[in-house]
Amino acid sequence: MADEPSLPKLSWDPATESFPNNRTRKRVRSSPPPVSSDPAIFSSDDNPSADNYTQDRRKRKYRGPWYQQRLAEDSISDVVEPTQKKSKRTLERRYDSGVFMGSDGTDLDEIMDVMQDMDIKSPQLALRQFGNPIQQPIPIPTAEKMARNQIARCLEDGDETIDLSSSTLTTLSNATIRPLATFTCVPPVAEGVFSQLEPKLKVFLASNALKTLPAELFKLESLTALSLRSNSFKELPPAIGNLQGLKELSISQNRLRFLPFEILELFSVQSCLENLQLHPNPFYEPQFPPGHLEVEEIQNKIELGSRTRTRPRRGAVSCVQPSGTRRSWHPRWKVTYKARTEIRYLGLGGELVKGAVFPDSSSPTHPRNVPRNSLLVANPAQPHYPPEPRGAYHSHAPSLLEVALNSCSNSPQLPRLSSFLHEDCPPYLSELLAKTAAKKESGGSKCTMCNRNFIIPRAEWIEWWEITKILNHKTIASMASAASPLTHMENERDVLESMVPLMRRSCSWLCVPQQQESACQPDEMDID
């Protein structure tokens, strides 16, 4: 036992308050240099007397190991006076840890001020406050997007009524209406047998701010009811004549001065129209010259009264057109040509070259003695001639500008073509491209004489047609009363409202009627 080696004696160093280690250590390059730390500080509650606390109720702190403790000299100096204002700490980022070393008491305003000084933009910090994220405002969907959602719900539920009334719609695109072409009804199940149903769509667009209509609306073969009441339409697209299955149509309370000539297709034998609401609208009214036959006919209707038909006609009424074709009307409607205005000949860009000037209700230069919605009727005996041609003779061939615009209308980049124009181009080219895009969006136009497509009309005129519904015995019995207008004579307003102005446009100066159409001679009425 005596030969066993003894452990070296350690001497206590009072300066460092530790046992020195004089042993040499092998230096390692990869290891960091040793870092000395201060001796641990302990607090004790071994003596639970009042002497263990100072006046500010803080525990005494001791320095050193358990076997050689002494009172820490800075135990009282660490106390922060309550009256001393806390200094503002600056944030210092330690890249080894990636954490901002800020105290728990740091205010959020201080952090934002420091970030502004450091020009730091952190969206995550701006959206968080006391641990709760700030909710961003939800974007409000547009009126057309809400219309798309409603159409999608109707398609999913099989609801045939698409009510978009009072939806603050200002525009309606083809993409919104196009899904209605795939509408299918939900067939009822009766004893396990399914029956296929034809859809009967009803679209209500009343009380909006629409000015144009998409072409997809006039491709719906299953559309039976259409309401365009209380909008801002100044003109309806000619494609409205394609709605042969339409039973109800309401276009009242708009800014319409005339209707397209193609609307007469809704009164043909193949059509199903039953109810039509046209008034009120600021339609053009005919101003007949003195001694005109139509004036005498109107006076006879007002003074003597008109006999209301009590039975439908035996056959359809026909009207001979200048081209020699015969147009047949549905027995439910009485459609008769009355008069027309002078032919308006237009230039290559659509400017007026020769003909009557259509008054504008908002024009300040309109004559005071002439009503703002009145147009002079042309004299049937007075011939009309087109302007002098630029070449040797007039031709049906379209102009180069018309051919170019037709090519542009077939381009998929039509909405962006105006941006490709050179800055030195005339400004009216951009306007023509905008008109071409709008015309394509609404379904295009065709010549009312030769049925050829065109972008810019070369001639136009307005015709007045008398459109009235023929009543039968059941309808008269349900409507007749002591105060009913059927028991009294017709007034002047009823006669004028029955004459509907229709706008006709042609693709060339030669596609105009050579003579005035003669009014149809109706068959004899069946009077009980």
Protein backbone atom coordinates (compact mmCIF):
# COMPACT_ATOMS: atom_id res chain seq x y z
CA MET A 1 0.00 0.00 0.00
CA ALA A 2 2.89 2.29 0.69
CA ASP A 3 4.25 1.83 -2.80
CA GLU A 4 1.07 3.09 -4.44
CA PRO A 5 1.41 6.53 -6.00
CA SER A 6 -0.35 9.35 -4.27
CA LEU A 7 -2.53 11.96 -5.94
CA PRO A 8 -1.04 15.44 -6.39
CA LYS A 9 -2.08 18.00 -3.91
CA LEU A 10 -4.23 20.84 -5.14
CA SER A 11 -3.69 24.23 -3.69
CA TRP A 12 -6.52 26.72 -3.37
CA ASP A 13 -5.98 29.99 -5.23
CA PRO A 14 -7.87 32.80 -3.44
CA ALA A 15 -7.51 35.19 -6.41
CA THR A 16 -9.35 32.96 -8.83
CA GLU A 17 -11.29 31.15 -6.10
CA SER A 18 -10.58 27.85 -7.80
CA PHE A 19 -8.06 25.02 -7.75
CA PRO A 20 -5.34 25.62 -10.39
CA ASN A 21 -4.64 22.92 -12.90
CA ASN A 22 -0.96 22.93 -13.83
CA ARG A 23 -1.14 19.91 -16.10
CA THR A 24 -0.22 20.52 -19.71
CA ARG A 25 -2.78 19.80 -22.34
CA LYS A 26 -2.19 18.81 -25.90
CA ARG A 27 -3.32 21.54 -28.23
CA VAL A 28 -6.00 20.53 -30.68
CA ARG A 29 -6.45 22.77 -33.71
CA SER A 30 -10.11 22.00 -34.22
CA SER A 31 -11.16 22.68 -30.65
CA PRO A 32 -12.10 26.25 -29.68
CA PRO A 33 -10.01 28.06 -27.07
CA PRO A 34 -11.14 27.53 -23.53
CA VAL A 35 -13.44 30.19 -22.22
CA SER A 36 -13.49 30.86 -18.53
CA SER A 37 -16.79 31.60 -16.86
CA ASP A 38 -17.56 33.43 -13.69
CA PRO A 39 -18.21 31.44 -10.57
CA ALA A 40 -21.79 30.47 -10.02
CA ILE A 41 -24.02 32.66 -7.92
CA PHE A 42 -26.44 31.00 -5.54
CA SER A 43 -29.20 32.23 -3.29
CA SER A 44 -30.18 30.50 -0.13
CA ASP A 45 -33.22 30.26 2.07
CA ASP A 46 -31.53 28.19 4.76
CA ASN A 47 -32.22 30.93 7.29
CA PRO A 48 -35.87 31.99 6.84
CA SER A 49 -35.38 35.05 8.98
CA ALA A 50 -36.01 38.62 7.99
CA ASP A 51 -32.26 39.28 7.95
CA ASN A 52 -31.99 37.18 4.82
CA TYR A 53 -33.71 39.96 2.81
CA THR A 54 -32.82 43.52 2.16
CA GLN A 55 -35.16 46.45 2.38
CA ASP A 56 -36.28 46.12 -1.24
CA ARG A 57 -37.36 42.52 -0.57
CA ARG A 58 -34.65 40.87 -2.69
CA LYS A 59 -32.77 37.70 -1.69
CA ARG A 60 -29.12 37.81 -0.79
CA LYS A 61 -26.77 36.34 -3.32
CA TYR A 62 -23.70 34.24 -2.48
CA ARG A 63 -20.67 33.57 -4.61
CA GLY A 64 -18.45 30.50 -4.56
CA PRO A 65 -18.88 26.77 -3.92
CA TRP A 66 -20.92 25.37 -1.09
CA TYR A 67 -17.97 24.76 1.10
CA GLN A 68 -16.53 28.27 0.71
CA GLN A 69 -19.40 30.71 0.12
CA ARG A 70 -19.20 34.40 0.62
CA LEU A 71 -21.68 37.24 0.16
CA ALA A 72 -21.68 38.65 -3.37
CA GLU A 73 -20.67 42.27 -3.41
CA ASP A 74 -22.98 43.23 -6.33
CA SER A 75 -26.13 41.75 -4.81
CA ILE A 76 -27.46 45.21 -4.08
CA SER A 77 -25.90 46.98 -7.05
CA ASP A 78 -27.90 44.78 -9.46
CA VAL A 79 -31.11 46.27 -8.16
CA VAL A 80 -32.60 48.75 -10.68
CA GLU A 81 -34.16 51.78 -9.21
CA PRO A 82 -37.89 51.97 -10.12
CA THR A 83 -37.55 55.66 -10.91
CA GLN A 84 -34.83 55.06 -13.48
CA LYS A 85 -36.20 55.00 -17.05
CA LYS A 86 -35.46 51.86 -18.98
CA SER A 87 -33.12 52.51 -21.86
CA LYS A 88 -34.13 51.48 -25.33
CA ARG A 89 -32.35 48.34 -26.41
CA THR A 90 -31.02 47.91 -29.87
CA LEU A 91 -31.58 44.61 -31.58
CA GLU A 92 -28.49 42.71 -32.59
CA ARG A 93 -28.76 39.68 -34.76
CA ARG A 94 -26.40 36.84 -34.02
CA TYR A 95 -25.89 34.98 -37.25
CA ASP A 96 -24.75 31.83 -35.50
CA SER A 97 -28.17 31.41 -33.85
CA GLY A 98 -30.46 33.31 -36.23
CA VAL A 99 -32.48 34.74 -33.36
CA PHE A 100 -33.02 38.37 -32.43
CA MET A 101 -31.67 38.66 -28.86
CA GLY A 102 -34.27 40.96 -27.45
CA SER A 103 -35.73 40.91 -23.98
CA ASP A 104 -39.17 39.58 -23.27
CA GLY A 105 -40.32 43.06 -22.34
CA THR A 106 -39.47 44.64 -25.68
CA ASP A 107 -42.52 46.42 -27.04
CA LEU A 108 -43.78 45.81 -30.59
CA ASP A 109 -43.55 49.52 -31.35
CA GLU A 110 -39.89 49.48 -30.50
CA ILE A 111 -39.34 46.58 -32.90
CA MET A 112 -41.15 48.38 -35.69
CA ASP A 113 -39.11 51.56 -35.08
CA VAL A 114 -35.85 49.62 -35.19
CA MET A 115 -36.94 47.86 -38.38
CA GLN A 116 -37.73 51.19 -39.97
CA ASP A 117 -34.28 52.47 -39.02
CA MET A 118 -32.69 49.35 -40.46
CA ASP A 119 -34.94 49.52 -43.56
CA ILE A 120 -36.22 45.99 -43.02
CA LYS A 121 -39.56 45.00 -44.56
CA SER A 122 -41.02 41.87 -43.05
CA PRO A 123 -44.64 41.16 -44.06
CA GLN A 124 -44.93 38.38 -41.51
CA LEU A 125 -44.02 40.70 -38.64
CA ALA A 126 -46.39 43.39 -39.89
CA LEU A 127 -49.31 40.94 -39.99
CA ARG A 128 -48.76 39.65 -36.47
CA GLN A 129 -49.55 41.53 -33.31
CA PHE A 130 -49.38 39.85 -29.91
CA GLY A 131 -49.47 36.45 -31.57
CA ASN A 132 -52.78 37.00 -33.46
CA PRO A 133 -52.69 37.43 -37.26
CA ILE A 134 -54.48 40.43 -38.75
CA GLN A 135 -57.22 39.35 -41.21
CA GLN A 136 -56.89 40.85 -44.66
CA PRO A 137 -60.08 42.24 -46.28
CA ILE A 138 -61.84 39.72 -48.53
CA PRO A 139 -62.13 41.03 -52.13
CA ILE A 140 -65.73 41.71 -53.19
CA PRO A 141 -66.66 39.76 -56.34
CA THR A 142 -67.81 41.72 -59.37
CA ALA A 143 -71.41 41.73 -60.55
CA GLU A 144 -70.61 39.57 -63.57
CA LYS A 145 -68.76 37.03 -61.42
CA MET A 146 -71.80 36.78 -59.16
CA ALA A 147 -73.92 36.25 -62.28
CA ARG A 148 -71.62 33.41 -63.32
CA ASN A 149 -71.98 31.79 -59.91
CA GLN A 150 -75.77 32.06 -60.08
CA ILE A 151 -75.84 30.52 -63.57
CA ALA A 152 -73.61 27.70 -62.32
CA ARG A 153 -76.05 27.03 -59.45
CA CYS A 154 -79.00 26.97 -61.87
CA LEU A 155 -77.17 24.49 -64.09
CA GLU A 156 -76.39 22.28 -61.12
CA ASP A 157 -79.93 22.38 -59.70
CA GLY A 158 -81.69 22.20 -63.08
CA ASP A 159 -83.48 25.51 -62.46
CA GLU A 160 -84.82 26.93 -65.75
CA THR A 161 -85.28 30.47 -64.38
CA ILE A 162 -82.11 32.56 -64.43
CA ASP A 163 -83.04 35.74 -62.58
CA LEU A 164 -80.28 38.35 -62.84
CA SER A 165 -82.54 41.34 -62.24
CA SER A 166 -81.23 44.23 -60.14
CA SER A 167 -77.71 42.78 -60.12
CA THR A 168 -75.92 46.06 -61.02
CA LEU A 169 -74.70 44.50 -64.25
CA THR A 170 -72.96 46.88 -66.64
CA THR A 171 -71.49 44.26 -68.97
CA LEU A 172 -72.35 40.69 -69.85
CA SER A 173 -69.77 38.65 -71.74
CA ASN A 174 -70.18 35.59 -73.93
CA ALA A 175 -68.24 33.49 -71.42
CA THR A 176 -70.95 34.12 -68.82
CA ILE A 177 -73.87 33.05 -71.04
CA ARG A 178 -72.13 30.23 -72.93
CA PRO A 179 -72.71 27.53 -70.21
CA LEU A 180 -76.48 27.92 -70.63
CA ALA A 181 -76.21 26.16 -74.01
CA THR A 182 -75.52 22.91 -72.12
CA PHE A 183 -78.56 23.23 -69.83
CA THR A 184 -80.48 19.98 -69.27
CA CYS A 185 -83.61 19.46 -67.23
CA VAL A 186 -83.86 16.95 -64.43
CA PRO A 187 -86.46 14.46 -65.71
CA PRO A 188 -89.12 13.29 -63.25
CA VAL A 189 -89.29 9.62 -62.36
CA ALA A 190 -92.70 8.00 -62.77
CA GLU A 191 -92.88 4.27 -61.97
CA GLY A 192 -89.25 3.77 -62.87
CA VAL A 193 -89.58 5.31 -66.33
CA PHE A 194 -87.48 8.34 -67.23
CA SER A 195 -88.84 10.91 -69.66
CA GLN A 196 -86.67 13.39 -71.54
CA LEU A 197 -87.74 17.03 -71.21
CA GLU A 198 -86.93 19.96 -73.44
CA PRO A 199 -85.64 22.87 -71.34
CA LYS A 200 -87.53 26.15 -71.32
CA LEU A 201 -85.08 28.76 -70.19
CA LYS A 202 -86.21 32.10 -68.81
CA VAL A 203 -83.59 34.84 -68.53
CA PHE A 204 -84.44 38.02 -66.62
CA LEU A 205 -81.99 40.93 -66.97
CA ALA A 206 -84.30 43.72 -65.84
CA SER A 207 -83.23 46.76 -63.79
CA ASN A 208 -79.54 46.75 -64.69
CA ALA A 209 -77.25 49.13 -66.59
CA LEU A 210 -76.57 47.00 -69.67
CA LYS A 211 -75.81 48.67 -73.00
CA THR A 212 -74.87 45.64 -75.09
CA LEU A 213 -75.80 41.98 -75.22
CA PRO A 214 -73.55 38.97 -75.97
CA ALA A 215 -74.02 36.88 -79.09
CA GLU A 216 -74.27 33.66 -77.05
CA LEU A 217 -77.62 34.85 -75.68
CA PHE A 218 -79.17 34.69 -79.16
CA LYS A 219 -77.88 31.16 -79.75
CA LEU A 220 -80.02 29.65 -76.98
CA GLU A 221 -82.63 27.63 -78.87
CA SER A 222 -84.40 26.71 -75.63
CA LEU A 223 -84.91 30.35 -74.54
CA THR A 224 -88.64 31.04 -74.08
CA ALA A 225 -88.68 34.27 -72.03
CA LEU A 226 -86.34 37.26 -72.11
CA SER A 227 -86.72 40.43 -70.07
CA LEU A 228 -84.52 43.45 -70.89
CA ARG A 229 -86.68 46.02 -69.12
CA SER A 230 -85.14 49.06 -67.41
CA ASN A 231 -81.66 49.04 -68.90
CA SER A 232 -79.60 51.48 -70.98
CA PHE A 233 -79.96 49.98 -74.45
CA LYS A 234 -79.84 52.41 -77.35
CA GLU A 235 -79.89 49.69 -79.99
CA LEU A 236 -80.59 45.95 -79.99
CA PRO A 237 -78.39 43.51 -81.94
CA PRO A 238 -79.87 42.16 -85.20
CA ALA A 239 -79.22 38.64 -83.90
CA ILE A 240 -82.36 38.93 -81.77
CA GLY A 241 -84.28 37.59 -84.76
CA ASN A 242 -82.68 34.18 -84.19
CA LEU A 243 -84.80 33.52 -81.08
CA GLN A 244 -87.57 31.65 -82.89
CA GLY A 245 -88.65 29.80 -79.75
CA LEU A 246 -89.17 32.99 -77.74
CA LYS A 247 -92.67 33.32 -76.23
CA GLU A 248 -92.26 36.44 -74.06
CA LEU A 249 -90.13 39.50 -74.78
CA SER A 250 -89.95 42.72 -72.78
CA ILE A 251 -87.75 45.62 -73.93
CA SER A 252 -89.63 48.51 -72.34
CA GLN A 253 -88.11 51.39 -70.33
CA ASN A 254 -84.91 51.67 -72.35
CA ARG A 255 -83.42 54.34 -74.65
CA LEU A 256 -84.39 52.65 -77.90
CA ARG A 257 -85.07 54.97 -80.84
CA PHE A 258 -85.70 52.06 -83.24
CA LEU A 259 -85.57 48.28 -83.43
CA PRO A 260 -83.57 46.10 -85.82
CA PHE A 261 -85.39 44.98 -88.95
CA GLU A 262 -84.53 41.36 -88.11
CA ILE A 263 -86.99 41.43 -85.19
CA LEU A 264 -89.76 40.76 -87.72
CA GLU A 265 -88.58 37.13 -87.70
CA LEU A 266 -90.24 36.80 -84.29
CA PHE A 267 -93.64 37.29 -85.97
CA SER A 268 -93.18 34.72 -88.73
CA VAL A 269 -95.13 31.51 -89.04
CA GLN A 270 -92.31 29.49 -87.43
CA SER A 271 -92.10 31.75 -84.37
CA CYS A 272 -93.78 31.22 -80.99
CA LEU A 273 -93.99 34.81 -79.71
CA GLU A 274 -97.13 35.46 -77.64
CA ASN A 275 -96.41 38.50 -75.48
CA LEU A 276 -94.43 41.60 -76.49
CA GLN A 277 -93.75 44.68 -74.36
CA LEU A 278 -92.27 47.60 -76.35
CA HIS A 279 -93.38 50.77 -74.56
CA PRO A 280 -92.36 53.07 -73.04
CA ASN A 281 -89.37 53.86 -75.29
CA PRO A 282 -88.43 57.07 -77.14
CA PHE A 283 -89.16 55.57 -80.56
CA TYR A 284 -89.01 57.68 -83.71
CA GLU A 285 -92.49 58.68 -84.82
CA PRO A 286 -93.47 59.29 -88.46
CA GLN A 287 -94.23 62.83 -89.57
CA PHE A 288 -96.52 62.51 -92.59
CA PRO A 289 -96.83 65.36 -95.09
CA PRO A 290 -100.26 66.98 -95.49
CA GLY A 291 -102.66 65.02 -97.67
CA HIS A 292 -100.87 61.70 -97.15
CA LEU A 293 -103.11 58.62 -97.30
CA GLU A 294 -101.78 57.37 -94.01
CA VAL A 295 -102.90 60.55 -92.28
CA GLU A 296 -106.45 59.97 -93.44
CA GLU A 297 -106.29 56.37 -92.25
CA ILE A 298 -105.09 57.45 -88.81
CA GLN A 299 -107.85 60.05 -88.59
CA ASN A 300 -110.43 57.42 -89.49
CA LYS A 301 -109.12 55.14 -86.76
CA ILE A 302 -109.24 57.91 -84.19
CA GLU A 303 -112.62 59.39 -85.13
CA LEU A 304 -114.58 56.34 -86.22
CA GLY A 305 -112.85 53.75 -84.08
CA SER A 306 -111.36 50.47 -85.26
CA ARG A 307 -113.17 47.22 -85.22
CA THR A 308 -111.30 44.72 -83.12
CA ARG A 309 -110.90 41.33 -84.73
CA THR A 310 -112.89 38.73 -82.83
CA ARG A 311 -111.45 35.73 -84.63
CA PRO A 312 -107.99 34.91 -86.00
CA ARG A 313 -107.43 35.43 -89.68
CA ARG A 314 -108.33 32.63 -92.06
CA GLY A 315 -104.81 32.68 -93.48
CA ALA A 316 -101.48 34.37 -92.89
CA VAL A 317 -101.07 37.91 -94.18
CA SER A 318 -98.34 38.44 -96.75
CA CYS A 319 -96.43 41.49 -97.87
CA VAL A 320 -94.66 41.82 -101.21
CA GLN A 321 -91.03 42.91 -100.81
CA PRO A 322 -89.00 44.74 -103.49
CA SER A 323 -86.93 41.61 -104.10
CA GLY A 324 -90.07 39.67 -105.01
CA THR A 325 -90.06 37.34 -101.99
CA ARG A 326 -93.16 36.81 -99.93
CA ARG A 327 -93.03 37.09 -96.15
CA SER A 328 -95.69 35.23 -94.17
CA TRP A 329 -96.71 36.23 -90.66
CA HIS A 330 -98.14 34.24 -87.82
CA PRO A 331 -101.97 34.34 -87.58
CA ARG A 332 -101.59 35.63 -84.02
CA TRP A 333 -100.07 38.92 -85.20
CA LYS A 334 -101.02 41.64 -87.65
CA VAL A 335 -97.86 43.02 -89.28
CA THR A 336 -98.29 45.68 -91.96
CA TYR A 337 -95.82 48.00 -93.64
CA LYS A 338 -96.75 51.71 -93.45
CA ALA A 339 -93.99 54.14 -94.50
CA ARG A 340 -90.27 54.81 -94.49
CA THR A 341 -87.77 57.67 -94.38
CA GLU A 342 -85.38 58.80 -97.10
CA ILE A 343 -82.36 56.63 -97.83
CA ARG A 344 -79.22 57.64 -95.96
CA TYR A 345 -76.08 56.97 -98.02
CA LEU A 346 -72.95 56.51 -95.93
CA GLY A 347 -69.25 56.72 -96.78
CA LEU A 348 -66.50 54.13 -96.32
CA GLY A 349 -66.07 55.06 -92.67
CA GLY A 350 -69.80 55.32 -91.89
CA GLU A 351 -70.10 59.11 -92.30
CA LEU A 352 -73.24 60.61 -93.88
CA VAL A 353 -72.85 61.45 -97.57
CA LYS A 354 -76.43 62.03 -98.67
CA GLY A 355 -79.86 61.65 -97.13
CA ALA A 356 -81.91 62.59 -94.11
CA VAL A 357 -80.42 63.52 -90.76
CA PHE A 358 -81.83 61.57 -87.84
CA PRO A 359 -82.40 63.94 -84.91
CA ASP A 360 -80.79 63.26 -81.59
CA SER A 361 -82.89 63.80 -78.49
CA SER A 362 -79.86 65.26 -76.68
CA SER A 363 -78.68 67.50 -79.54
CA PRO A 364 -78.90 71.23 -78.67
CA THR A 365 -79.07 72.22 -82.36
CA HIS A 366 -82.33 70.41 -83.00
CA PRO A 367 -85.08 72.71 -84.42
CA ARG A 368 -87.64 73.80 -81.88
CA ASN A 369 -90.65 73.48 -84.16
CA VAL A 370 -89.85 69.82 -84.98
CA PRO A 371 -90.38 67.14 -82.32
CA ARG A 372 -87.17 65.49 -81.18
CA ASN A 373 -88.53 62.02 -81.85
CA SER A 374 -90.16 62.81 -85.19
CA LEU A 375 -88.84 61.86 -88.66
CA LEU A 376 -90.16 63.07 -91.98
CA VAL A 377 -91.73 60.36 -94.13
CA ALA A 378 -90.42 60.10 -97.69
CA ASN A 379 -92.74 60.80 -100.60
CA PRO A 380 -93.51 57.53 -102.44
CA ALA A 381 -93.67 59.30 -105.81
CA GLN A 382 -90.28 60.97 -105.45
CA PRO A 383 -87.40 58.86 -106.85
CA HIS A 384 -84.07 58.62 -105.03
CA TYR A 385 -80.60 58.35 -106.51
CA PRO A 386 -77.30 57.39 -104.86
CA PRO A 387 -74.34 59.80 -104.89
CA GLU A 388 -72.00 59.93 -107.84
CA PRO A 389 -69.65 56.94 -107.87
CA ARG A 390 -65.90 57.37 -107.51
CA GLY A 391 -65.36 55.15 -110.53
CA ALA A 392 -67.26 54.61 -113.74
CA TYR A 393 -70.27 52.94 -112.13
CA HIS A 394 -71.70 51.69 -108.84
CA SER A 395 -70.79 48.20 -107.70
CA HIS A 396 -71.83 45.65 -105.11
CA ALA A 397 -68.19 44.83 -104.41
CA PRO A 398 -67.05 45.76 -100.88
CA SER A 399 -64.31 48.31 -100.35
CA LEU A 400 -60.78 47.38 -99.32
CA LEU A 401 -61.45 48.81 -95.86
CA GLU A 402 -64.49 46.55 -95.50
CA VAL A 403 -62.47 43.51 -96.59
CA ALA A 404 -59.72 44.37 -94.09
CA LEU A 405 -62.20 44.80 -91.22
CA ASN A 406 -63.84 41.47 -92.07
CA SER A 407 -60.44 39.81 -91.91
CA CYS A 408 -59.76 41.48 -88.55
CA SER A 409 -63.08 40.24 -87.18
CA ASN A 410 -61.99 36.66 -87.87
CA SER A 411 -58.68 37.12 -86.05
CA PRO A 412 -58.39 35.77 -82.48
CA GLN A 413 -56.29 38.85 -81.59
CA LEU A 414 -59.05 41.32 -82.49
CA PRO A 415 -59.22 42.96 -79.01
CA ARG A 416 -55.47 43.72 -79.18
CA LEU A 417 -55.15 44.81 -82.80
CA SER A 418 -55.52 48.49 -81.99
CA SER A 419 -52.33 48.33 -79.90
CA PHE A 420 -50.39 47.14 -82.96
CA LEU A 421 -51.21 50.25 -84.97
CA HIS A 422 -48.45 52.72 -85.68
CA GLU A 423 -48.59 55.99 -83.81
CA ASP A 424 -48.88 57.89 -87.12
CA CYS A 425 -52.07 56.02 -88.14
CA PRO A 426 -55.30 58.02 -88.34
CA PRO A 427 -57.29 57.89 -85.09
CA TYR A 428 -60.46 56.69 -86.82
CA LEU A 429 -58.80 53.29 -87.47
CA SER A 430 -58.80 52.55 -83.75
CA GLU A 431 -62.48 53.50 -83.59
CA LEU A 432 -63.29 51.19 -86.50
CA LEU A 433 -61.47 48.31 -84.81
CA ALA A 434 -63.41 48.97 -81.60
CA LYS A 435 -66.70 48.92 -83.57
CA THR A 436 -65.63 45.69 -85.25
CA ALA A 437 -64.92 44.05 -81.89
CA ALA A 438 -68.24 45.23 -80.46
CA LYS A 439 -70.16 44.01 -83.51
CA LYS A 440 -68.52 40.60 -83.33
CA GLU A 441 -69.28 40.37 -79.62
CA SER A 442 -72.98 41.03 -80.28
CA GLY A 443 -73.36 38.62 -83.20
CA GLY A 444 -72.53 40.66 -86.32
CA SER A 445 -74.78 42.27 -88.96
CA LYS A 446 -76.16 41.20 -92.32
CA CYS A 447 -77.57 43.16 -95.20
CA THR A 448 -81.37 43.26 -95.00
CA MET A 449 -81.56 43.02 -98.80
CA CYS A 450 -78.92 40.48 -99.92
CA ASN A 451 -78.15 38.87 -96.52
CA ARG A 452 -74.39 39.45 -96.83
CA ASN A 453 -72.20 40.14 -93.79
CA PHE A 454 -70.82 43.63 -93.33
CA ILE A 455 -69.01 45.70 -90.73
CA ILE A 456 -69.75 49.25 -91.91
CA PRO A 457 -73.16 49.85 -93.50
CA ARG A 458 -73.25 51.83 -96.74
CA ALA A 459 -76.95 52.73 -96.63
CA GLU A 460 -79.67 52.80 -94.00
CA TRP A 461 -83.27 53.88 -93.58
CA ILE A 462 -86.12 53.47 -91.11
CA GLU A 463 -89.41 51.75 -91.91
CA TRP A 464 -92.56 51.93 -89.79
CA TRP A 465 -94.54 48.72 -89.45
CA GLU A 466 -97.84 48.32 -87.69
CA ILE A 467 -97.52 45.44 -85.24
CA THR A 468 -100.66 44.51 -83.31
CA LYS A 469 -101.86 41.33 -81.71
CA ILE A 470 -105.07 39.72 -82.97
CA LEU A 471 -107.48 38.96 -80.18
CA ASN A 472 -109.92 36.05 -80.06
CA HIS A 473 -113.22 35.58 -78.26
CA LYS A 474 -111.69 34.34 -75.00
CA THR A 475 -109.21 37.18 -74.76
CA ILE A 476 -111.87 39.81 -75.43
CA ALA A 477 -114.21 38.33 -72.85
CA SER A 478 -111.52 38.42 -70.19
CA MET A 479 -110.42 41.98 -71.02
CA ALA A 480 -113.67 43.75 -71.91
CA SER A 481 -115.22 45.94 -69.24
CA ALA A 482 -116.91 49.28 -68.94
CA ALA A 483 -113.56 51.04 -68.60
CA SER A 484 -111.71 48.90 -71.13
CA PRO A 485 -110.36 50.67 -74.23
CA LEU A 486 -111.77 47.84 -76.32
CA THR A 487 -115.24 49.30 -75.89
CA HIS A 488 -114.17 52.79 -76.99
CA MET A 489 -112.50 54.37 -79.95
CA GLU A 490 -108.75 54.28 -80.31
CA ASN A 491 -106.84 57.42 -79.40
CA GLU A 492 -103.92 58.92 -81.28
CA ARG A 493 -101.28 57.55 -78.88
CA ASP A 494 -102.47 53.96 -79.33
CA VAL A 495 -102.35 54.33 -83.10
CA LEU A 496 -98.85 55.82 -83.09
CA GLU A 497 -97.50 53.23 -80.64
CA SER A 498 -98.68 50.45 -82.92
CA MET A 499 -96.31 51.78 -85.61
CA VAL A 500 -92.88 50.44 -84.70
CA PRO A 501 -89.75 51.96 -86.34
CA LEU A 502 -87.39 49.35 -87.76
CA MET A 503 -83.86 50.14 -88.90
CA ARG A 504 -82.75 48.58 -92.19
CA ARG A 505 -79.10 48.60 -93.29
CA SER A 506 -77.48 47.47 -96.53
CA CYS A 507 -73.96 46.54 -97.55
CA SER A 508 -73.78 48.77 -100.66
CA TRP A 509 -75.50 51.73 -102.32
CA LEU A 510 -77.20 49.40 -104.78
CA CYS A 511 -78.82 47.28 -102.05
CA VAL A 512 -81.68 49.72 -101.49
CA PRO A 513 -85.36 49.44 -102.46
CA GLN A 514 -85.97 50.81 -105.92
CA GLN A 515 -89.52 51.81 -105.06
CA GLN A 516 -91.70 52.29 -102.05
CA GLU A 517 -93.29 49.16 -100.63
CA SER A 518 -97.04 49.11 -100.79
CA ALA A 519 -99.00 48.36 -97.69
CA CYS A 520 -100.40 44.88 -97.39
CA GLN A 521 -104.03 44.33 -98.21
CA PRO A 522 -105.42 42.29 -95.35
CA ASP A 523 -108.14 39.79 -95.91
CA GLU A 524 -111.69 40.49 -94.85
CA MET A 525 -112.32 40.50 -91.13
CA ASP A 526 -114.70 38.04 -89.55
CA ILE A 527 -117.18 40.15 -87.64
CA ASP A 528 -119.84 38.55 -85.51
